[in-house]
């Protein structure tokens, strides 16, 4: 009985290992694929948003419009 319980625990540990390792690499890849954009408003507040690593951060305080630009067109 004790051998069977130890075998089941070992099997669960072996099966769960790839799932535990896969989530950290996915999170790191997602973090590397984005960047944090920041813009200081006239009121002193800092507006933050996320863009892709290869996209420019676009801010138009007059229109209250903060977005990510295009690789080709930039911020239009």
PDB file of N, CA and C in Angstrom:
ATOM      1  N   UNK A   1       0.823  -1.190   0.000  1.00  0.00           N
ATOM      2  CA  UNK A   1       0.000   0.000   0.000  1.00  0.00           C
ATOM      3  C   UNK A   1       0.872   1.260   0.000  1.00  0.00           C
ATOM      4  N   UNK A   2       1.915   1.241   0.806  1.00  0.00           N
ATOM      5  CA  UNK A   2       2.805   2.396   0.883  1.00  0.00           C
ATOM      6  C   UNK A   2       3.562   2.594  -0.430  1.00  0.00           C
ATOM      7  N   UNK A   3       3.960   1.502  -1.071  1.00  0.00           N
ATOM      8  CA  UNK A   3       4.634   1.602  -2.375  1.00  0.00           C
ATOM      9  C   UNK A   3       3.712   2.206  -3.422  1.00  0.00           C
ATOM     10  N   UNK A   4       2.460   1.778  -3.407  1.00  0.00           N
ATOM     11  CA  UNK A   4       1.501   2.291  -4.387  1.00  0.00           C
ATOM     12  C   UNK A   4       1.276   3.792  -4.186  1.00  0.00           C
ATOM     13  N   UNK A   5       1.167   4.248  -2.952  1.00  0.00           N
ATOM     14  CA  UNK A   5       0.983   5.662  -2.653  1.00  0.00           C
ATOM     15  C   UNK A   5       2.210   6.471  -3.084  1.00  0.00           C
ATOM     16  N   UNK A   6       3.400   5.944  -2.834  1.00  0.00           N
ATOM     17  CA  UNK A   6       4.623   6.623  -3.250  1.00  0.00           C
ATOM     18  C   UNK A   6       4.719   6.686  -4.772  1.00  0.00           C
ATOM     19  N   UNK A   7       4.317   5.630  -5.454  1.00  0.00           N
ATOM     20  CA  UNK A   7       4.343   5.602  -6.911  1.00  0.00           C
ATOM     21  C   UNK A   7       3.384   6.638  -7.500  1.00  0.00           C
ATOM     22  N   UNK A   8       2.187   6.755  -6.929  1.00  0.00           N
ATOM     23  CA  UNK A   8       1.210   7.737  -7.413  1.00  0.00           C
ATOM     24  C   UNK A   8       1.721   9.155  -7.185  1.00  0.00           C
ATOM     25  N   UNK A   9       2.322   9.418  -6.036  1.00  0.00           N
ATOM     26  CA  UNK A   9       2.865  10.748  -5.753  1.00  0.00           C
ATOM     27  C   UNK A   9       3.990  11.098  -6.719  1.00  0.00           C
ATOM     28  N   UNK A  10       4.843  10.123  -7.019  1.00  0.00           N
ATOM     29  CA  UNK A  10       5.931  10.349  -7.964  1.00  0.00           C
ATOM     30  C   UNK A  10       5.389  10.607  -9.371  1.00  0.00           C
ATOM     31  N   UNK A  11       4.381   9.870  -9.770  1.00  0.00           N
ATOM     32  CA  UNK A  11       3.789  10.052 -11.096  1.00  0.00           C
ATOM     33  C   UNK A  11       3.152  11.426 -11.231  1.00  0.00           C
ATOM     34  N   UNK A  12       2.461  11.876 -10.204  1.00  0.00           N
ATOM     35  CA  UNK A  12       1.840  13.214 -10.238  1.00  0.00           C
ATOM     36  C   UNK A  12       2.913  14.299 -10.322  1.00  0.00           C
ATOM     37  N   UNK A  13       3.995  14.130  -9.583  1.00  0.00           N
ATOM     38  CA  UNK A  13       5.080  15.113  -9.618  1.00  0.00           C
ATOM     39  C   UNK A  13       5.726  15.178 -10.996  1.00  0.00           C
ATOM     40  N   UNK A  14       5.909  14.045 -11.628  1.00  0.00           N
ATOM     41  CA  UNK A  14       6.525  14.015 -12.957  1.00  0.00           C
ATOM     42  C   UNK A  14       5.597  14.636 -14.000  1.00  0.00           C
ATOM     43  N   UNK A  15       4.326  14.366 -13.887  1.00  0.00           N
ATOM     44  CA  UNK A  15       3.362  14.909 -14.851  1.00  0.00           C
ATOM     45  C   UNK A  15       3.204  16.413 -14.678  1.00  0.00           C
ATOM     46  N   UNK A  16       3.237  16.927 -13.459  1.00  0.00           N
ATOM     47  CA  UNK A  16       3.003  18.347 -13.192  1.00  0.00           C
ATOM     48  C   UNK A  16       4.212  19.222 -13.498  1.00  0.00           C
ATOM     49  N   UNK A  17       5.394  18.670 -13.602  1.00  0.00           N
ATOM     50  CA  UNK A  17       6.604  19.465 -13.811  1.00  0.00           C
ATOM     51  C   UNK A  17       6.587  20.284 -15.101  1.00  0.00           C
ATOM     52  N   UNK A  18       6.228  19.739 -16.264  1.00  0.00           N
ATOM     53  CA  UNK A  18       6.231  20.567 -17.478  1.00  0.00           C
ATOM     54  C   UNK A  18       5.219  21.713 -17.426  1.00  0.00           C
ATOM     55  N   UNK A  19       4.100  21.511 -16.757  1.00  0.00           N
ATOM     56  CA  UNK A  19       3.104  22.582 -16.662  1.00  0.00           C
ATOM     57  C   UNK A  19       3.624  23.720 -15.799  1.00  0.00           C
ATOM     58  N   UNK A  20       4.305  23.406 -14.734  1.00  0.00           N
ATOM     59  CA  UNK A  20       4.858  24.438 -13.854  1.00  0.00           C
ATOM     60  C   UNK A  20       5.973  25.207 -14.551  1.00  0.00           C
ATOM     61  N   UNK A  21       6.788  24.533 -15.320  1.00  0.00           N
ATOM     62  CA  UNK A  21       7.877  25.212 -16.028  1.00  0.00           C
ATOM     63  C   UNK A  21       7.379  26.011 -17.219  1.00  0.00           C
ATOM     64  N   UNK A  22       6.324  25.576 -17.865  1.00  0.00           N
ATOM     65  CA  UNK A  22       5.806  26.252 -19.051  1.00  0.00           C
ATOM     66  C   UNK A  22       5.184  27.596 -18.751  1.00  0.00           C
ATOM     67  N   UNK A  23       4.572  27.780 -17.590  1.00  0.00           N
ATOM     68  CA  UNK A  23       3.912  29.042 -17.275  1.00  0.00           C
ATOM     69  C   UNK A  23       4.904  30.165 -17.040  1.00  0.00           C
ATOM     70  N   UNK A  24       6.064  29.882 -16.470  1.00  0.00           N
ATOM     71  CA  UNK A  24       7.027  30.946 -16.218  1.00  0.00           C
ATOM     72  C   UNK A  24       7.658  31.432 -17.514  1.00  0.00           C
ATOM     73  N   UNK A  25       7.946  30.539 -18.437  1.00  0.00           N
ATOM     74  CA  UNK A  25       8.545  30.972 -19.692  1.00  0.00           C
ATOM     75  C   UNK A  25       7.540  31.756 -20.536  1.00  0.00           C
ATOM     76  N   UNK A  26       6.262  31.402 -20.463  1.00  0.00           N
ATOM     77  CA  UNK A  26       5.236  32.143 -21.188  1.00  0.00           C
ATOM     78  C   UNK A  26       5.089  33.543 -20.616  1.00  0.00           C
ATOM     79  N   UNK A  27       5.131  33.673 -19.308  1.00  0.00           N
ATOM     80  CA  UNK A  27       5.018  34.990 -18.679  1.00  0.00           C
ATOM     81  C   UNK A  27       6.215  35.860 -19.028  1.00  0.00           C
ATOM     82  N   UNK A  28       7.400  35.278 -19.061  1.00  0.00           N
ATOM     83  CA  UNK A  28       8.591  36.045 -19.411  1.00  0.00           C
ATOM     84  C   UNK A  28       8.554  36.472 -20.874  1.00  0.00           C
ATOM     85  N   UNK A  29       8.061  35.614 -21.742  1.00  0.00           N
ATOM     86  CA  UNK A  29       7.962  35.961 -23.150  1.00  0.00           C
ATOM     87  C   UNK A  29       6.953  37.080 -23.370  1.00  0.00           C
ATOM     88  N   UNK A  30       5.849  37.046 -22.641  1.00  0.00           N
ATOM     89  CA  UNK A  30       4.845  38.108 -22.767  1.00  0.00           C
ATOM     90  C   UNK A  30       5.389  39.436 -22.252  1.00  0.00           C
ATOM     91  N   UNK A  31       6.158  39.389 -21.176  1.00  0.00           N
ATOM     92  CA  UNK A  31       6.729  40.613 -20.632  1.00  0.00           C
ATOM     93  C   UNK A  31       7.748  41.209 -21.592  1.00  0.00           C
ATOM     94  N   UNK A  32       8.516  40.375 -22.256  1.00  0.00           N
ATOM     95  CA  UNK A  32       9.522  40.861 -23.190  1.00  0.00           C
ATOM     96  C   UNK A  32       8.878  41.400 -24.468  1.00  0.00           C
ATOM     97  N   UNK A  33       7.679  40.969 -24.791  1.00  0.00           N
ATOM     98  CA  UNK A  33       7.018  41.398 -26.015  1.00  0.00           C
ATOM     99  C   UNK A  33       6.288  42.724 -25.840  1.00  0.00           C
ATOM    100  N   UNK A  34       6.199  43.246 -24.619  1.00  0.00           N
ATOM    101  CA  UNK A  34       5.514  44.516 -24.385  1.00  0.00           C
ATOM    102  C   UNK A  34       6.436  45.484 -23.658  1.00  0.00           C
ATOM    103  N   UNK A  35       6.046  46.755 -23.715  1.00  0.00           N
ATOM    104  CA  UNK A  35       6.757  47.780 -22.953  1.00  0.00           C
ATOM    105  C   UNK A  35       5.721  48.696 -22.313  1.00  0.00           C
ATOM    106  N   UNK A  36       6.104  49.377 -21.267  1.00  0.00           N
ATOM    107  CA  UNK A  36       5.213  50.281 -20.558  1.00  0.00           C
ATOM    108  C   UNK A  36       5.459  51.690 -21.059  1.00  0.00           C
ATOM    109  N   UNK A  37       4.399  52.351 -21.494  1.00  0.00           N
ATOM    110  CA  UNK A  37       4.482  53.735 -21.965  1.00  0.00           C
ATOM    111  C   UNK A  37       3.961  54.657 -20.867  1.00  0.00           C
ATOM    112  N   UNK A  38       4.641  55.773 -20.661  1.00  0.00           N
ATOM    113  CA  UNK A  38       4.245  56.730 -19.630  1.00  0.00           C
ATOM    114  C   UNK A  38       4.234  58.126 -20.213  1.00  0.00           C
ATOM    115  N   UNK A  39       3.249  58.928 -19.775  1.00  0.00           N
ATOM    116  CA  UNK A  39       3.152  60.317 -20.213  1.00  0.00           C
ATOM    117  C   UNK A  39       2.676  61.147 -19.033  1.00  0.00           C
ATOM    118  N   UNK A  40       3.374  62.238 -18.747  1.00  0.00           N
ATOM    119  CA  UNK A  40       2.989  63.101 -17.632  1.00  0.00           C
ATOM    120  C   UNK A  40       1.997  64.143 -18.121  1.00  0.00           C
ATOM    121  N   UNK A  41       0.833  64.187 -17.481  1.00  0.00           N
ATOM    122  CA  UNK A  41      -0.212  65.133 -17.855  1.00  0.00           C
ATOM    123  C   UNK A  41       0.068  66.508 -17.252  1.00  0.00           C
ATOM    124  N   UNK A  42      -0.665  67.525 -17.719  1.00  0.00           N
ATOM    125  CA  UNK A  42      -0.489  68.877 -17.205  1.00  0.00           C
ATOM    126  C   UNK A  42      -0.886  68.972 -15.736  1.00  0.00           C
ATOM    127  N   UNK A  43      -1.768  68.085 -15.295  1.00  0.00           N
ATOM    128  CA  UNK A  43      -2.198  68.080 -13.895  1.00  0.00           C
ATOM    129  C   UNK A  43      -1.164  67.438 -12.977  1.00  0.00           C
ATOM    130  N   UNK A  44      -0.156  66.788 -13.528  1.00  0.00           N
ATOM    131  CA  UNK A  44       0.881  66.143 -12.751  1.00  0.00           C
ATOM    132  C   UNK A  44       0.714  64.638 -12.651  1.00  0.00           C
ATOM    133  N   UNK A  45      -0.461  64.133 -13.042  1.00  0.00           N
ATOM    134  CA  UNK A  45      -0.669  62.685 -13.032  1.00  0.00           C
ATOM    135  C   UNK A  45       0.138  62.039 -14.148  1.00  0.00           C
ATOM    136  N   UNK A  46       0.482  60.784 -13.946  1.00  0.00           N
ATOM    137  CA  UNK A  46       1.207  60.035 -14.966  1.00  0.00           C
ATOM    138  C   UNK A  46       0.275  58.988 -15.558  1.00  0.00           C
ATOM    139  N   UNK A  47       0.056  59.071 -16.840  1.00  0.00           N
ATOM    140  CA  UNK A  47      -0.782  58.116 -17.561  1.00  0.00           C
ATOM    141  C   UNK A  47       0.121  56.997 -18.066  1.00  0.00           C
ATOM    142  N   UNK A  48      -0.263  55.738 -17.810  1.00  0.00           N
ATOM    143  CA  UNK A  48       0.534  54.597 -18.268  1.00  0.00           C
ATOM    144  C   UNK A  48      -0.326  53.650 -19.076  1.00  0.00           C
ATOM    145  N   UNK A  49       0.273  53.023 -20.088  1.00  0.00           N
ATOM    146  CA  UNK A  49      -0.377  52.007 -20.903  1.00  0.00           C
ATOM    147  C   UNK A  49       0.701  51.117 -21.489  1.00  0.00           C
ATOM    148  N   UNK A  50       0.296  49.983 -22.037  1.00  0.00           N
ATOM    149  CA  UNK A  50       1.247  49.013 -22.591  1.00  0.00           C
ATOM    150  C   UNK A  50       1.153  48.975 -24.108  1.00  0.00           C
ATOM    151  N   UNK A  51       2.325  48.878 -24.738  1.00  0.00           N
ATOM    152  CA  UNK A  51       2.420  48.722 -26.191  1.00  0.00           C
ATOM    153  C   UNK A  51       3.354  47.564 -26.499  1.00  0.00           C
ATOM    154  N   UNK A  52       3.322  47.127 -27.739  1.00  0.00           N
ATOM    155  CA  UNK A  52       4.258  46.104 -28.179  1.00  0.00           C
ATOM    156  C   UNK A  52       5.668  46.641 -28.160  1.00  0.00           C
ATOM    157  N   UNK A  53       6.629  45.749 -28.079  1.00  0.00           N
ATOM    158  CA  UNK A  53       8.024  46.167 -27.987  1.00  0.00           C
ATOM    159  C   UNK A  53       8.476  46.930 -29.228  1.00  0.00           C
ATOM    160  N   UNK A  54       7.864  46.649 -30.373  1.00  0.00           N
ATOM    161  CA  UNK A  54       8.264  47.308 -31.616  1.00  0.00           C
ATOM    162  C   UNK A  54       7.312  48.427 -32.031  1.00  0.00           C
ATOM    163  N   UNK A  55       6.399  48.836 -31.169  1.00  0.00           N
ATOM    164  CA  UNK A  55       5.447  49.904 -31.485  1.00  0.00           C
ATOM    165  C   UNK A  55       5.802  51.168 -30.712  1.00  0.00           C
ATOM    166  N   UNK A  56       5.637  52.341 -31.337  1.00  0.00           N
ATOM    167  CA  UNK A  56       5.887  53.582 -30.613  1.00  0.00           C
ATOM    168  C   UNK A  56       4.719  53.930 -29.682  1.00  0.00           C
ATOM    169  N   UNK A  57       5.026  54.659 -28.622  1.00  0.00           N
ATOM    170  CA  UNK A  57       3.995  55.140 -27.701  1.00  0.00           C
ATOM    171  C   UNK A  57       3.491  56.477 -28.225  1.00  0.00           C
ATOM    172  N   UNK A  58       2.182  56.611 -28.395  1.00  0.00           N
ATOM    173  CA  UNK A  58       1.586  57.831 -28.932  1.00  0.00           C
ATOM    174  C   UNK A  58       0.700  58.474 -27.875  1.00  0.00           C
ATOM    175  N   UNK A  59       0.881  59.774 -27.665  1.00  0.00           N
ATOM    176  CA  UNK A  59       0.103  60.497 -26.664  1.00  0.00           C
ATOM    177  C   UNK A  59      -0.366  61.812 -27.254  1.00  0.00           C
ATOM    178  N   UNK A  60      -1.668  62.080 -27.115  1.00  0.00           N
ATOM    179  CA  UNK A  60      -2.246  63.351 -27.511  1.00  0.00           C
ATOM    180  C   UNK A  60      -3.086  63.840 -26.337  1.00  0.00           C
ATOM    181  N   UNK A  61      -2.474  64.696 -25.522  1.00  0.00           N
ATOM    182  CA  UNK A  61      -3.148  65.159 -24.314  1.00  0.00           C
ATOM    183  C   UNK A  61      -4.341  66.046 -24.648  1.00  0.00           C
ATOM    184  N   UNK A  62      -4.263  66.787 -25.750  1.00  0.00           N
ATOM    185  CA  UNK A  62      -5.359  67.670 -26.128  1.00  0.00           C
ATOM    186  C   UNK A  62      -6.626  66.878 -26.426  1.00  0.00           C
ATOM    187  N   UNK A  63      -6.475  65.717 -27.075  1.00  0.00           N
ATOM    188  CA  UNK A  63      -7.620  64.873 -27.411  1.00  0.00           C
ATOM    189  C   UNK A  63      -7.886  63.812 -26.348  1.00  0.00           C
ATOM    190  N   UNK A  64      -7.050  63.755 -25.301  1.00  0.00           N
ATOM    191  CA  UNK A  64      -7.131  62.722 -24.268  1.00  0.00           C
ATOM    192  C   UNK A  64      -7.068  61.344 -24.918  1.00  0.00           C
ATOM    193  N   UNK A  65      -6.070  61.150 -25.788  1.00  0.00           N
ATOM    194  CA  UNK A  65      -5.933  59.935 -26.584  1.00  0.00           C
ATOM    195  C   UNK A  65      -4.522  59.385 -26.404  1.00  0.00           C
ATOM    196  N   UNK A  66      -4.428  58.210 -25.815  1.00  0.00           N
ATOM    197  CA  UNK A  66      -3.148  57.565 -25.556  1.00  0.00           C
ATOM    198  C   UNK A  66      -3.213  56.161 -26.122  1.00  0.00           C
ATOM    199  N   UNK A  67      -2.362  55.867 -27.087  1.00  0.00           N
ATOM    200  CA  UNK A  67      -2.429  54.582 -27.766  1.00  0.00           C
ATOM    201  C   UNK A  67      -1.056  54.173 -28.278  1.00  0.00           C
ATOM    202  N   UNK A  68      -1.018  53.031 -28.921  1.00  0.00           N
ATOM    203  CA  UNK A  68       0.210  52.535 -29.533  1.00  0.00           C
ATOM    204  C   UNK A  68       0.170  52.852 -31.017  1.00  0.00           C
ATOM    205  N   UNK A  69       1.310  53.234 -31.565  1.00  0.00           N
ATOM    206  CA  UNK A  69       1.377  53.569 -32.973  1.00  0.00           C
ATOM    207  C   UNK A  69       1.681  52.367 -33.850  1.00  0.00           C
ATOM    208  N   UNK A  70       1.813  52.639 -35.107  1.00  0.00           N
ATOM    209  CA  UNK A  70       2.103  51.615 -36.094  1.00  0.00           C
ATOM    210  C   UNK A  70       3.604  51.586 -36.383  1.00  0.00           C
ATOM    211  N   UNK A  71       4.125  50.409 -36.739  1.00  0.00           N
ATOM    212  CA  UNK A  71       5.548  50.323 -37.092  1.00  0.00           C
ATOM    213  C   UNK A  71       5.839  51.115 -38.353  1.00  0.00           C
ATOM    214  N   UNK A  72       4.909  51.106 -39.283  1.00  0.00           N
ATOM    215  CA  UNK A  72       5.113  51.763 -40.570  1.00  0.00           C
ATOM    216  C   UNK A  72       4.801  53.258 -40.498  1.00  0.00           C
ATOM    217  N   UNK A  73       3.654  53.615 -39.937  1.00  0.00           N
ATOM    218  CA  UNK A  73       3.186  54.991 -39.954  1.00  0.00           C
ATOM    219  C   UNK A  73       3.570  55.790 -38.717  1.00  0.00           C
ATOM    220  N   UNK A  74       3.982  55.125 -37.663  1.00  0.00           N
ATOM    221  CA  UNK A  74       4.310  55.822 -36.429  1.00  0.00           C
ATOM    222  C   UNK A  74       3.058  56.356 -35.756  1.00  0.00           C
ATOM    223  N   UNK A  75       3.133  57.556 -35.209  1.00  0.00           N
ATOM    224  CA  UNK A  75       1.989  58.182 -34.544  1.00  0.00           C
ATOM    225  C   UNK A  75       1.360  59.197 -35.495  1.00  0.00           C
ATOM    226  N   UNK A  76       0.214  58.869 -36.029  1.00  0.00           N
ATOM    227  CA  UNK A  76      -0.486  59.814 -36.910  1.00  0.00           C
ATOM    228  C   UNK A  76      -1.648  60.453 -36.233  1.00  0.00           C
TER     229      UNK A  76
END
